[in-house]
C-alpha atoms as a PDB file:
ATOM      1  CA  MET A   1     156.272 170.001  87.786  1.00  0.00           C
ATOM      2  CA  ILE A   2     157.928 172.270  85.187  1.00  0.00           C
ATOM      3  CA  PRO A   3     155.789 175.216  84.023  1.00  0.00           C
ATOM      4  CA  ARG A   4     154.510 174.767  80.465  1.00  0.00           C
ATOM      5  CA  PRO A   5     156.523 177.531  78.694  1.00  0.00           C
ATOM      6  CA  ILE A   6     159.777 176.288  80.236  1.00  0.00           C
ATOM      7  CA  ALA A   7     158.974 172.666  79.350  1.00  0.00           C
ATOM      8  CA  ASP A   8     158.223 173.724  75.758  1.00  0.00           C
ATOM      9  CA  ALA A   9     161.527 175.618  75.558  1.00  0.00           C
ATOM     10  CA  VAL A  10     163.462 172.560  76.773  1.00  0.00           C
ATOM     11  CA  THR A  11     161.698 170.372  74.192  1.00  0.00           C
ATOM     12  CA  ASP A  12     162.351 172.935  71.455  1.00  0.00           C
ATOM     13  CA  ASP A  13     166.060 173.095  72.379  1.00  0.00           C
ATOM     14  CA  ARG A  14     166.340 169.319  72.337  1.00  0.00           C
ATOM     15  CA  SER A  15     164.706 169.045  68.917  1.00  0.00           C
ATOM     16  CA  LEU A  16     166.820 171.927  67.577  1.00  0.00           C
ATOM     17  CA  ARG A  17     169.984 170.221  68.862  1.00  0.00           C
ATOM     18  CA  VAL A  18     168.976 167.036  67.045  1.00  0.00           C
ATOM     19  CA  LYS A  19     168.279 169.039  63.868  1.00  0.00           C
ATOM     20  CA  ILE A  20     171.735 170.625  64.047  1.00  0.00           C
ATOM     21  CA  VAL A  21     173.486 167.257  64.427  1.00  0.00           C
ATOM     22  CA  ARG A  22     171.240 165.723  61.752  1.00  0.00           C
ATOM     23  CA  ARG A  23     172.034 168.493  59.266  1.00  0.00           C
ATOM     24  CA  LEU A  24     175.788 168.212  59.920  1.00  0.00           C
ATOM     25  CA  ALA A  25     175.577 164.424  59.498  1.00  0.00           C
ATOM     26  CA  ARG A  26     173.595 164.700  56.270  1.00  0.00           C
ATOM     27  CA  LYS A  27     176.244 167.047  54.873  1.00  0.00           C
ATOM     28  CA  THR A  28     179.028 164.771  56.267  1.00  0.00           C
ATOM     29  CA  VAL A  29     180.796 167.574  58.136  1.00  0.00           C
ATOM     30  CA  VAL A  30     183.428 165.327  59.709  1.00  0.00           C
ATOM     31  CA  GLY A  31     187.215 164.980  59.595  1.00  0.00           C
ATOM     32  CA  SER A  32     188.852 167.777  57.620  1.00  0.00           C
ATOM     33  CA  HIS A  33     185.421 168.938  56.381  1.00  0.00           C
ATOM     34  CA  LYS A  34     184.388 171.759  58.709  1.00  0.00           C
ATOM     35  CA  LYS A  35     181.836 174.579  58.654  1.00  0.00           C
ATOM     36  CA  GLN A  36     181.802 177.995  60.260  1.00  0.00           C
ATOM     37  CA  VAL A  37     179.196 178.550  62.969  1.00  0.00           C
ATOM     38  CA  ASP A  38     177.682 181.331  60.817  1.00  0.00           C
ATOM     39  CA  THR A  39     177.315 178.946  57.869  1.00  0.00           C
ATOM     40  CA  VAL A  40     175.550 176.334  59.992  1.00  0.00           C
ATOM     41  CA  LYS A  41     173.169 178.856  61.544  1.00  0.00           C
ATOM     42  CA  ASN A  42     172.251 180.120  58.059  1.00  0.00           C
ATOM     43  CA  TRP A  43     170.960 176.631  57.185  1.00  0.00           C
ATOM     44  CA  PHE A  44     168.034 177.321  59.534  1.00  0.00           C
ATOM     45  CA  ALA A  45     165.059 179.678  59.481  1.00  0.00           C
ATOM     46  CA  ALA A  46     165.853 183.304  60.326  1.00  0.00           C
ATOM     47  CA  SER A  47     163.697 183.037  63.446  1.00  0.00           C
ATOM     48  CA  ASP A  48     165.875 180.174  64.757  1.00  0.00           C
ATOM     49  CA  GLN A  49     169.334 181.461  63.793  1.00  0.00           C
ATOM     50  CA  GLY A  50     170.151 183.199  67.076  1.00  0.00           C
ATOM     51  CA  ARG A  51     169.101 180.159  69.059  1.00  0.00           C
ATOM     52  CA  VAL A  52     171.036 177.816  66.724  1.00  0.00           C
ATOM     53  CA  GLU A  53     174.221 179.835  67.211  1.00  0.00           C
ATOM     54  CA  MET A  54     173.815 179.809  70.987  1.00  0.00           C
ATOM     55  CA  LEU A  55     173.092 176.060  71.042  1.00  0.00           C
ATOM     56  CA  LEU A  56     176.042 175.297  68.753  1.00  0.00           C
ATOM     57  CA  ARG A  57     178.402 177.114  71.097  1.00  0.00           C
ATOM     58  CA  GLU A  58     176.933 175.194  74.064  1.00  0.00           C
ATOM     59  CA  MET A  59     177.150 171.901  72.189  1.00  0.00           C
ATOM     60  CA  ILE A  60     180.849 172.416  71.418  1.00  0.00           C
ATOM     61  CA  ARG A  61     181.547 172.452  75.170  1.00  0.00           C
ATOM     62  CA  ASP A  62     179.285 169.463  75.959  1.00  0.00           C
ATOM     63  CA  PRO A  63     181.245 166.168  75.898  1.00  0.00           C
ATOM     64  CA  ASP A  64     178.011 164.183  75.342  1.00  0.00           C
ATOM     65  CA  VAL A  65     177.338 165.890  71.993  1.00  0.00           C
ATOM     66  CA  PRO A  66     179.244 164.714  68.890  1.00  0.00           C
ATOM     67  CA  ILE A  67     180.152 168.273  67.786  1.00  0.00           C
ATOM     68  CA  GLU A  68     183.597 169.729  68.299  1.00  0.00           C
ATOM     69  CA  GLY A  69     185.222 173.086  67.683  1.00  0.00           C
ATOM     70  CA  TYR A  70     187.934 172.949  65.060  1.00  0.00           C
ATOM     71  CA  GLY A  71     190.759 175.253  64.069  1.00  0.00           C
ATOM     72  CA  GLY A  72     192.521 178.067  65.840  1.00  0.00           C
ATOM     73  CA  SER A  73     189.521 180.354  66.151  1.00  0.00           C
ATOM     74  CA  ARG A  74     187.181 177.546  67.271  1.00  0.00           C
ATOM     75  CA  ASP A  75     184.540 179.252  65.161  1.00  0.00           C
ATOM     76  CA  ASN A  76     184.529 176.173  62.943  1.00  0.00           C
ATOM     77  CA  VAL A  77     182.600 173.037  63.854  1.00  0.00           C
ATOM     78  CA  ARG A  78     182.538 169.438  62.723  1.00  0.00           C
ATOM     79  CA  LEU A  79     181.162 166.136  63.940  1.00  0.00           C
ATOM     80  CA  SER A  80     183.475 163.955  65.998  1.00  0.00           C
ATOM     81  CA  SER A  81     182.268 160.994  63.876  1.00  0.00           C
ATOM     82  CA  ILE A  82     179.273 159.934  61.817  1.00  0.00           C
ATOM     83  CA  GLU A  83     178.670 156.956  64.124  1.00  0.00           C
ATOM     84  CA  SER A  84     178.501 159.139  67.226  1.00  0.00           C
ATOM     85  CA  ALA A  85     176.163 161.516  65.380  1.00  0.00           C
ATOM     86  CA  LYS A  86     173.874 158.607  64.458  1.00  0.00           C
ATOM     87  CA  ALA A  87     173.841 157.415  68.073  1.00  0.00           C
ATOM     88  CA  TYR A  88     173.070 160.942  69.338  1.00  0.00           C
ATOM     89  CA  ILE A  89     170.227 161.441  66.860  1.00  0.00           C
ATOM     90  CA  GLU A  90     168.629 158.086  67.701  1.00  0.00           C
ATOM     91  CA  ALA A  91     169.103 158.530  71.477  1.00  0.00           C
ATOM     92  CA  ASN A  92     167.325 161.882  71.347  1.00  0.00           C
ATOM     93  CA  GLY A  93     164.337 160.725  69.316  1.00  0.00           C
ATOM     94  CA  GLY A  94     165.380 162.015  65.903  1.00  0.00           C
ATOM     95  CA  ASP A  95     165.137 160.332  62.522  1.00  0.00           C
ATOM     96  CA  LEU A  96     168.354 159.516  60.717  1.00  0.00           C
ATOM     97  CA  PRO A  97     168.971 161.254  57.403  1.00  0.00           C
ATOM     98  CA  TRP A  98     168.302 159.084  54.364  1.00  0.00           C
ATOM     99  CA  GLY A  99     171.965 158.383  53.517  1.00  0.00           C
ATOM    100  CA  LEU A 100     172.796 157.247  57.058  1.00  0.00           C
ATOM    101  CA  ARG A 101     170.102 154.647  57.585  1.00  0.00           C
ATOM    102  CA  ASP A 102     171.147 151.022  57.813  1.00  0.00           C
ATOM    103  CA  ASP A 103     167.945 149.654  56.246  1.00  0.00           C
END
């Protein structure tokens, strides 16, 4: 059994990852539309910004996450596609942003 604080941290990371992908999808950061890591982290509360930056950099390297580094510096991010972002959000228990729902 995982100790409670560690289990809470894993859950918090998972929900924060979904929030990052959700926010990028809502702002349609895909294709030639890219954002700097600093810009994305500033979309979140000051208390979460350090964690968001760390997670973004992890997510860029994770092939199962629909976020990719873009540009020469790799300090820019974008979604690999809106469809993969939707699938990731739904698979991880998140709600799709209003403009991406099929209903």
